[in-house]
Amino acid sequence: MARLQILELPIEHRGDDMLTPFVLVIDQLPADEDGAAAIRRDLDNGDIPQLVGARAVLCFEGTVEIPANHVGE
C-alpha cells in the first residue's frame, strides 16, 4: 500500500507573510496495482502538484525515509 509523506522546504518570507512550500512524497507504490497506475497517470498529467499546492510530487516504488517525519525518535 502506498504511503504519503510531506517534505517541508525552507520557509519563504514575502513581506509580512510566510509560506512553507512542500514536496509530496509517495513511496511504497506497487508497480503492478491499478491504484498505482492511476496515480502514475495523474502524475503524467501534471495536475496533482497544482491541486494540492505542492512544489512537486515524487513517486517511488521503494521506501523513502524522510528524517524530519520521525517525531519522537
N, C-alpha and C. Protein backbone atom coordinates (compact mmCIF):
# COMPACT_ATOMS: atom_id res chain seq x y z
N MET A 1 0.84 -1.18 0.00
CA MET A 1 0.00 0.00 0.00
C MET A 1 0.88 1.24 0.00
N ALA A 2 0.56 2.18 -0.84
CA ALA A 2 1.34 3.41 -0.96
C ALA A 2 1.28 4.24 0.32
N ARG A 3 2.34 5.00 0.55
CA ARG A 3 2.43 5.84 1.73
C ARG A 3 2.69 7.27 1.27
N LEU A 4 2.04 8.24 1.91
CA LEU A 4 2.22 9.66 1.60
C LEU A 4 3.04 10.32 2.70
N GLN A 5 3.98 11.15 2.30
CA GLN A 5 4.77 11.93 3.25
C GLN A 5 4.90 13.35 2.72
N ILE A 6 5.14 14.25 3.64
CA ILE A 6 5.34 15.65 3.30
C ILE A 6 6.79 16.02 3.62
N LEU A 7 7.48 16.59 2.65
CA LEU A 7 8.82 17.10 2.86
C LEU A 7 8.74 18.62 2.80
N GLU A 8 8.85 19.25 3.98
CA GLU A 8 8.78 20.71 4.03
C GLU A 8 10.08 21.30 3.53
N LEU A 9 9.95 22.33 2.73
CA LEU A 9 11.10 23.06 2.21
C LEU A 9 11.31 24.31 3.07
N PRO A 10 12.44 24.99 2.92
CA PRO A 10 12.68 26.19 3.74
C PRO A 10 11.57 27.24 3.58
N ILE A 11 11.26 27.89 4.68
CA ILE A 11 10.21 28.92 4.70
C ILE A 11 10.61 30.08 3.81
N GLU A 12 9.63 30.59 3.09
CA GLU A 12 9.84 31.77 2.25
C GLU A 12 9.15 32.96 2.90
N HIS A 13 9.84 34.07 2.95
CA HIS A 13 9.29 35.29 3.51
C HIS A 13 8.91 36.23 2.36
N ARG A 14 7.67 36.68 2.38
CA ARG A 14 7.19 37.64 1.37
C ARG A 14 6.54 38.78 2.11
N GLY A 15 7.35 39.77 2.41
CA GLY A 15 6.86 40.87 3.23
C GLY A 15 6.54 40.36 4.62
N ASP A 16 5.31 40.59 5.09
CA ASP A 16 4.89 40.11 6.40
C ASP A 16 4.38 38.68 6.35
N ASP A 17 4.23 38.13 5.17
CA ASP A 17 3.71 36.77 5.03
C ASP A 17 4.84 35.75 4.99
N MET A 18 4.54 34.57 5.52
CA MET A 18 5.47 33.45 5.46
C MET A 18 4.77 32.30 4.76
N LEU A 19 5.50 31.61 3.90
CA LEU A 19 4.98 30.48 3.16
C LEU A 19 5.90 29.29 3.38
N THR A 20 5.33 28.14 3.68
CA THR A 20 6.11 26.92 3.84
C THR A 20 5.82 26.01 2.65
N PRO A 21 6.66 26.06 1.63
CA PRO A 21 6.46 25.18 0.48
C PRO A 21 6.78 23.73 0.87
N PHE A 22 6.24 22.80 0.10
CA PHE A 22 6.46 21.39 0.41
C PHE A 22 6.47 20.55 -0.85
N VAL A 23 7.02 19.36 -0.70
CA VAL A 23 7.01 18.35 -1.75
C VAL A 23 6.22 17.17 -1.21
N LEU A 24 5.31 16.65 -2.00
CA LEU A 24 4.55 15.45 -1.64
C LEU A 24 5.35 14.25 -2.10
N VAL A 25 5.64 13.33 -1.18
CA VAL A 25 6.42 12.13 -1.49
C VAL A 25 5.50 10.92 -1.36
N ILE A 26 5.38 10.17 -2.43
CA ILE A 26 4.59 8.93 -2.42
C ILE A 26 5.59 7.80 -2.57
N ASP A 27 5.65 6.90 -1.58
CA ASP A 27 6.56 5.77 -1.68
C ASP A 27 5.81 4.47 -1.41
N GLN A 28 6.53 3.37 -1.50
CA GLN A 28 5.97 2.03 -1.35
C GLN A 28 4.82 1.81 -2.34
N LEU A 29 4.98 2.32 -3.53
CA LEU A 29 3.95 2.25 -4.56
C LEU A 29 4.16 0.99 -5.39
N PRO A 30 3.28 0.01 -5.27
CA PRO A 30 3.43 -1.22 -6.06
C PRO A 30 3.37 -0.93 -7.56
N ALA A 31 4.23 -1.56 -8.30
CA ALA A 31 4.32 -1.30 -9.73
C ALA A 31 3.18 -1.92 -10.52
N ASP A 32 2.49 -2.90 -9.96
CA ASP A 32 1.53 -3.65 -10.76
C ASP A 32 0.07 -3.49 -10.33
N GLU A 33 -0.24 -2.58 -9.44
CA GLU A 33 -1.62 -2.41 -8.99
C GLU A 33 -2.33 -1.33 -9.79
N ASP A 34 -3.65 -1.46 -9.91
CA ASP A 34 -4.45 -0.48 -10.63
C ASP A 34 -4.36 0.90 -9.99
N GLY A 35 -4.33 0.96 -8.66
CA GLY A 35 -4.23 2.24 -7.97
C GLY A 35 -2.93 2.95 -8.28
N ALA A 36 -1.85 2.18 -8.34
CA ALA A 36 -0.55 2.76 -8.69
C ALA A 36 -0.57 3.29 -10.12
N ALA A 37 -1.22 2.56 -11.00
CA ALA A 37 -1.33 3.02 -12.39
C ALA A 37 -2.12 4.32 -12.48
N ALA A 38 -3.16 4.45 -11.67
CA ALA A 38 -3.97 5.67 -11.67
C ALA A 38 -3.15 6.86 -11.16
N ILE A 39 -2.35 6.65 -10.12
CA ILE A 39 -1.51 7.73 -9.60
C ILE A 39 -0.49 8.15 -10.66
N ARG A 40 0.11 7.17 -11.31
CA ARG A 40 1.09 7.49 -12.35
C ARG A 40 0.45 8.26 -13.50
N ARG A 41 -0.77 7.89 -13.88
CA ARG A 41 -1.50 8.62 -14.93
C ARG A 41 -1.71 10.06 -14.52
N ASP A 42 -2.15 10.28 -13.28
CA ASP A 42 -2.38 11.64 -12.79
C ASP A 42 -1.08 12.43 -12.73
N LEU A 43 0.02 11.78 -12.34
CA LEU A 43 1.31 12.46 -12.30
C LEU A 43 1.75 12.85 -13.70
N ASP A 44 1.49 12.00 -14.67
CA ASP A 44 1.86 12.32 -16.05
C ASP A 44 1.10 13.53 -16.56
N ASN A 45 -0.14 13.71 -16.09
CA ASN A 45 -0.94 14.87 -16.50
C ASN A 45 -0.41 16.16 -15.89
N GLY A 46 0.34 16.07 -14.80
CA GLY A 46 0.92 17.24 -14.15
C GLY A 46 -0.05 18.03 -13.30
N ASP A 47 -1.23 17.48 -13.00
CA ASP A 47 -2.24 18.21 -12.26
C ASP A 47 -2.09 18.11 -10.74
N ILE A 48 -1.52 17.05 -10.24
CA ILE A 48 -1.51 16.81 -8.79
C ILE A 48 -0.78 17.91 -8.02
N PRO A 49 0.43 18.33 -8.41
CA PRO A 49 1.08 19.38 -7.63
C PRO A 49 0.24 20.65 -7.52
N GLN A 50 -0.37 21.06 -8.62
CA GLN A 50 -1.19 22.27 -8.59
C GLN A 50 -2.43 22.06 -7.71
N LEU A 51 -3.03 20.90 -7.78
CA LEU A 51 -4.24 20.65 -7.00
C LEU A 51 -3.99 20.66 -5.49
N VAL A 52 -2.85 20.13 -5.06
CA VAL A 52 -2.57 20.04 -3.63
C VAL A 52 -1.68 21.17 -3.12
N GLY A 53 -1.18 22.01 -4.02
CA GLY A 53 -0.34 23.13 -3.61
C GLY A 53 1.11 22.78 -3.39
N ALA A 54 1.54 21.62 -3.87
CA ALA A 54 2.92 21.19 -3.68
C ALA A 54 3.82 21.77 -4.77
N ARG A 55 5.09 21.90 -4.44
CA ARG A 55 6.06 22.32 -5.45
C ARG A 55 6.31 21.20 -6.45
N ALA A 56 6.24 19.95 -5.94
CA ALA A 56 6.47 18.78 -6.79
C ALA A 56 5.88 17.56 -6.10
N VAL A 57 5.72 16.51 -6.86
CA VAL A 57 5.32 15.21 -6.32
C VAL A 57 6.38 14.22 -6.75
N LEU A 58 6.94 13.51 -5.78
CA LEU A 58 7.94 12.48 -6.06
C LEU A 58 7.32 11.13 -5.78
N CYS A 59 7.51 10.18 -6.65
CA CYS A 59 6.87 8.87 -6.54
C CYS A 59 7.94 7.78 -6.65
N PHE A 60 7.92 6.84 -5.68
CA PHE A 60 8.92 5.78 -5.64
C PHE A 60 8.26 4.44 -5.36
N GLU A 61 8.80 3.37 -5.96
CA GLU A 61 8.34 2.03 -5.63
C GLU A 61 8.91 1.59 -4.29
N GLY A 62 10.13 1.98 -4.00
CA GLY A 62 10.78 1.60 -2.75
C GLY A 62 10.38 2.53 -1.61
N THR A 63 10.98 2.30 -0.44
CA THR A 63 10.71 3.10 0.74
C THR A 63 11.68 4.26 0.81
N VAL A 64 11.15 5.44 1.05
CA VAL A 64 11.97 6.65 1.21
C VAL A 64 11.71 7.18 2.62
N GLU A 65 12.76 7.28 3.40
CA GLU A 65 12.64 7.79 4.76
C GLU A 65 13.01 9.26 4.80
N ILE A 66 12.13 10.06 5.32
CA ILE A 66 12.38 11.49 5.49
C ILE A 66 12.63 11.71 6.99
N PRO A 67 13.88 11.98 7.37
CA PRO A 67 14.22 12.08 8.79
C PRO A 67 13.34 13.05 9.57
N ALA A 68 12.94 14.16 8.98
CA ALA A 68 12.13 15.15 9.69
C ALA A 68 10.74 14.61 10.05
N ASN A 69 10.32 13.54 9.42
CA ASN A 69 8.99 12.97 9.70
C ASN A 69 9.00 11.97 10.85
N HIS A 70 10.17 11.72 11.46
CA HIS A 70 10.27 10.78 12.57
C HIS A 70 10.16 11.54 13.88
N VAL A 71 8.95 11.75 14.35
CA VAL A 71 8.70 12.50 15.56
C VAL A 71 8.99 11.63 16.78
N GLY A 72 9.75 12.17 17.72
CA GLY A 72 9.99 11.49 19.00
C GLY A 72 10.93 10.32 18.93
N GLU A 73 11.71 10.20 17.90
CA GLU A 73 12.64 9.09 17.82
C GLU A 73 14.04 9.56 18.10
